Amino acid sequence: MLVTDTNIPDVKLLTPKKFGDERGFFWKVITKKLSKTCSA
């Protein structure tokens, strides 16, 4: 997950990583670990 700061204080842009293989692509959007990290 790429986390980018914005011009708005305390607002982050979250860009999920794209995974792919011969079947197609998927994004791992949120995980329990990430949600705990991002929680205030």
PDB file of N, CA and C in Angstrom:
ATOM      1  N   MET A   1       0.851  -1.165   0.000  1.00  0.00           N
ATOM      2  CA  MET A   1       0.000   0.000   0.000  1.00  0.00           C
ATOM      3  C   MET A   1       0.898   1.228   0.000  1.00  0.00           C
ATOM      4  N   LEU A   2       0.667   2.095  -0.940  1.00  0.00           N
ATOM      5  CA  LEU A   2       1.392   3.353  -1.015  1.00  0.00           C
ATOM      6  C   LEU A   2       0.568   4.409  -0.293  1.00  0.00           C
ATOM      7  N   VAL A   3       1.171   5.076   0.695  1.00  0.00           N
ATOM      8  CA  VAL A   3       0.504   6.125   1.462  1.00  0.00           C
ATOM      9  C   VAL A   3       1.137   7.458   1.080  1.00  0.00           C
ATOM     10  N   THR A   4       0.299   8.385   0.584  1.00  0.00           N
ATOM     11  CA  THR A   4       0.773   9.677   0.120  1.00  0.00           C
ATOM     12  C   THR A   4       0.131  10.786   0.936  1.00  0.00           C
ATOM     13  N   ASP A   5       0.959  11.725   1.401  1.00  0.00           N
ATOM     14  CA  ASP A   5       0.432  12.885   2.106  1.00  0.00           C
ATOM     15  C   ASP A   5      -0.311  13.792   1.119  1.00  0.00           C
ATOM     16  N   THR A   6      -1.277  14.547   1.644  1.00  0.00           N
ATOM     17  CA  THR A   6      -2.010  15.514   0.829  1.00  0.00           C
ATOM     18  C   THR A   6      -1.796  16.908   1.420  1.00  0.00           C
ATOM     19  N   ASN A   7      -2.344  17.915   0.766  1.00  0.00           N
ATOM     20  CA  ASN A   7      -2.255  19.286   1.275  1.00  0.00           C
ATOM     21  C   ASN A   7      -3.176  19.511   2.467  1.00  0.00           C
ATOM     22  N   ILE A   8      -4.086  18.589   2.709  1.00  0.00           N
ATOM     23  CA  ILE A   8      -5.020  18.689   3.827  1.00  0.00           C
ATOM     24  C   ILE A   8      -4.398  17.977   5.022  1.00  0.00           C
ATOM     25  N   PRO A   9      -4.260  18.663   6.159  1.00  0.00           N
ATOM     26  CA  PRO A   9      -3.651  18.037   7.339  1.00  0.00           C
ATOM     27  C   PRO A   9      -4.385  16.755   7.749  1.00  0.00           C
ATOM     28  N   ASP A  10      -3.630  15.733   8.092  1.00  0.00           N
ATOM     29  CA  ASP A  10      -4.139  14.438   8.570  1.00  0.00           C
ATOM     30  C   ASP A  10      -4.925  13.639   7.526  1.00  0.00           C
ATOM     31  N   VAL A  11      -4.880  14.042   6.259  1.00  0.00           N
ATOM     32  CA  VAL A  11      -5.548  13.291   5.188  1.00  0.00           C
ATOM     33  C   VAL A  11      -4.477  12.626   4.333  1.00  0.00           C
ATOM     34  N   LYS A  12      -4.616  11.327   4.123  1.00  0.00           N
ATOM     35  CA  LYS A  12      -3.661  10.545   3.334  1.00  0.00           C
ATOM     36  C   LYS A  12      -4.365   9.931   2.140  1.00  0.00           C
ATOM     37  N   LEU A  13      -3.658   9.767   1.049  1.00  0.00           N
ATOM     38  CA  LEU A  13      -4.148   9.075  -0.124  1.00  0.00           C
ATOM     39  C   LEU A  13      -3.579   7.665  -0.078  1.00  0.00           C
ATOM     40  N   LEU A  14      -4.450   6.662  -0.065  1.00  0.00           N
ATOM     41  CA  LEU A  14      -4.030   5.265  -0.002  1.00  0.00           C
ATOM     42  C   LEU A  14      -4.183   4.643  -1.381  1.00  0.00           C
ATOM     43  N   THR A  15      -3.085   4.125  -1.932  1.00  0.00           N
ATOM     44  CA  THR A  15      -3.100   3.496  -3.247  1.00  0.00           C
ATOM     45  C   THR A  15      -2.695   2.036  -3.074  1.00  0.00           C
ATOM     46  N   PRO A  16      -3.633   1.106  -3.331  1.00  0.00           N
ATOM     47  CA  PRO A  16      -3.311  -0.307  -3.142  1.00  0.00           C
ATOM     48  C   PRO A  16      -2.356  -0.828  -4.210  1.00  0.00           C
ATOM     49  N   LYS A  17      -1.603  -1.859  -3.850  1.00  0.00           N
ATOM     50  CA  LYS A  17      -0.691  -2.502  -4.788  1.00  0.00           C
ATOM     51  C   LYS A  17      -1.475  -3.470  -5.663  1.00  0.00           C
ATOM     52  N   LYS A  18      -1.188  -3.474  -6.948  1.00  0.00           N
ATOM     53  CA  LYS A  18      -1.861  -4.337  -7.914  1.00  0.00           C
ATOM     54  C   LYS A  18      -1.037  -5.606  -8.112  1.00  0.00           C
ATOM     55  N   PHE A  19      -1.673  -6.771  -7.972  1.00  0.00           N
ATOM     56  CA  PHE A  19      -1.033  -8.064  -8.173  1.00  0.00           C
ATOM     57  C   PHE A  19      -1.640  -8.715  -9.408  1.00  0.00           C
ATOM     58  N   GLY A  20      -0.834  -9.407 -10.166  1.00  0.00           N
ATOM     59  CA  GLY A  20      -1.375 -10.051 -11.353  1.00  0.00           C
ATOM     60  C   GLY A  20      -0.677 -11.352 -11.694  1.00  0.00           C
ATOM     61  N   ASP A  21      -1.398 -12.193 -12.402  1.00  0.00           N
ATOM     62  CA  ASP A  21      -0.858 -13.425 -12.958  1.00  0.00           C
ATOM     63  C   ASP A  21      -1.656 -13.757 -14.219  1.00  0.00           C
ATOM     64  N   GLU A  22      -1.544 -14.987 -14.705  1.00  0.00           N
ATOM     65  CA  GLU A  22      -2.221 -15.349 -15.950  1.00  0.00           C
ATOM     66  C   GLU A  22      -3.748 -15.304 -15.832  1.00  0.00           C
ATOM     67  N   ARG A  23      -4.275 -15.317 -14.601  1.00  0.00           N
ATOM     68  CA  ARG A  23      -5.729 -15.276 -14.400  1.00  0.00           C
ATOM     69  C   ARG A  23      -6.288 -13.863 -14.416  1.00  0.00           C
ATOM     70  N   GLY A  24      -5.425 -12.871 -14.195  1.00  0.00           N
ATOM     71  CA  GLY A  24      -5.877 -11.481 -14.165  1.00  0.00           C
ATOM     72  C   GLY A  24      -5.203 -10.724 -13.036  1.00  0.00           C
ATOM     73  N   PHE A  25      -5.878  -9.693 -12.537  1.00  0.00           N
ATOM     74  CA  PHE A  25      -5.308  -8.826 -11.525  1.00  0.00           C
ATOM     75  C   PHE A  25      -6.225  -8.723 -10.318  1.00  0.00           C
ATOM     76  N   PHE A  26      -5.649  -8.411  -9.171  1.00  0.00           N
ATOM     77  CA  PHE A  26      -6.445  -8.105  -7.996  1.00  0.00           C
ATOM     78  C   PHE A  26      -5.685  -7.111  -7.135  1.00  0.00           C
ATOM     79  N   TRP A  27      -6.414  -6.445  -6.274  1.00  0.00           N
ATOM     80  CA  TRP A  27      -5.838  -5.467  -5.360  1.00  0.00           C
ATOM     81  C   TRP A  27      -6.097  -5.900  -3.938  1.00  0.00           C
ATOM     82  N   LYS A  28      -5.073  -5.831  -3.103  1.00  0.00           N
ATOM     83  CA  LYS A  28      -5.230  -6.093  -1.673  1.00  0.00           C
ATOM     84  C   LYS A  28      -5.541  -4.734  -1.046  1.00  0.00           C
ATOM     85  N   VAL A  29      -6.805  -4.482  -0.816  1.00  0.00           N
ATOM     86  CA  VAL A  29      -7.264  -3.143  -0.467  1.00  0.00           C
ATOM     87  C   VAL A  29      -7.059  -2.826   1.004  1.00  0.00           C
ATOM     88  N   ILE A  30      -7.461  -3.690   1.899  1.00  0.00           N
ATOM     89  CA  ILE A  30      -7.342  -3.398   3.331  1.00  0.00           C
ATOM     90  C   ILE A  30      -7.066  -4.700   4.085  1.00  0.00           C
ATOM     91  N   THR A  31      -6.294  -4.610   5.120  1.00  0.00           N
ATOM     92  CA  THR A  31      -6.012  -5.756   5.972  1.00  0.00           C
ATOM     93  C   THR A  31      -6.184  -5.327   7.416  1.00  0.00           C
ATOM     94  N   LYS A  32      -6.300  -6.291   8.288  1.00  0.00           N
ATOM     95  CA  LYS A  32      -6.447  -5.983   9.705  1.00  0.00           C
ATOM     96  C   LYS A  32      -5.224  -5.196  10.196  1.00  0.00           C
ATOM     97  N   LYS A  33      -4.039  -5.610   9.758  1.00  0.00           N
ATOM     98  CA  LYS A  33      -2.809  -4.926  10.163  1.00  0.00           C
ATOM     99  C   LYS A  33      -2.816  -3.459   9.702  1.00  0.00           C
ATOM    100  N   LEU A  34      -3.206  -3.222   8.454  1.00  0.00           N
ATOM    101  CA  LEU A  34      -3.238  -1.856   7.926  1.00  0.00           C
ATOM    102  C   LEU A  34      -4.282  -1.018   8.644  1.00  0.00           C
ATOM    103  N   SER A  35      -5.450  -1.596   8.913  1.00  0.00           N
ATOM    104  CA  SER A  35      -6.498  -0.823   9.579  1.00  0.00           C
ATOM    105  C   SER A  35      -6.065  -0.428  10.980  1.00  0.00           C
ATOM    106  N   LYS A  36      -5.312  -1.264  11.681  1.00  0.00           N
ATOM    107  CA  LYS A  36      -4.802  -0.907  13.007  1.00  0.00           C
ATOM    108  C   LYS A  36      -3.754   0.185  12.910  1.00  0.00           C
ATOM    109  N   THR A  37      -2.924   0.144  11.871  1.00  0.00           N
ATOM    110  CA  THR A  37      -1.882   1.135  11.668  1.00  0.00           C
ATOM    111  C   THR A  37      -2.476   2.504  11.369  1.00  0.00           C
ATOM    112  N   CYS A  38      -3.559   2.531  10.598  1.00  0.00           N
ATOM    113  CA  CYS A  38      -4.165   3.792  10.165  1.00  0.00           C
ATOM    114  C   CYS A  38      -5.136   4.379  11.180  1.00  0.00           C
ATOM    115  N   SER A  39      -5.568   3.603  12.134  1.00  0.00           N
ATOM    116  CA  SER A  39      -6.550   4.083  13.112  1.00  0.00           C
ATOM    117  C   SER A  39      -5.910   5.099  14.055  1.00  0.00           C
ATOM    118  N   ALA A  40      -6.720   6.090  14.399  1.00  0.00           N
ATOM    119  CA  ALA A  40      -6.232   7.112  15.342  1.00  0.00           C
ATOM    120  C   ALA A  40      -6.599   6.739  16.758  1.00  0.00           C
TER     121      ALA A  40
END
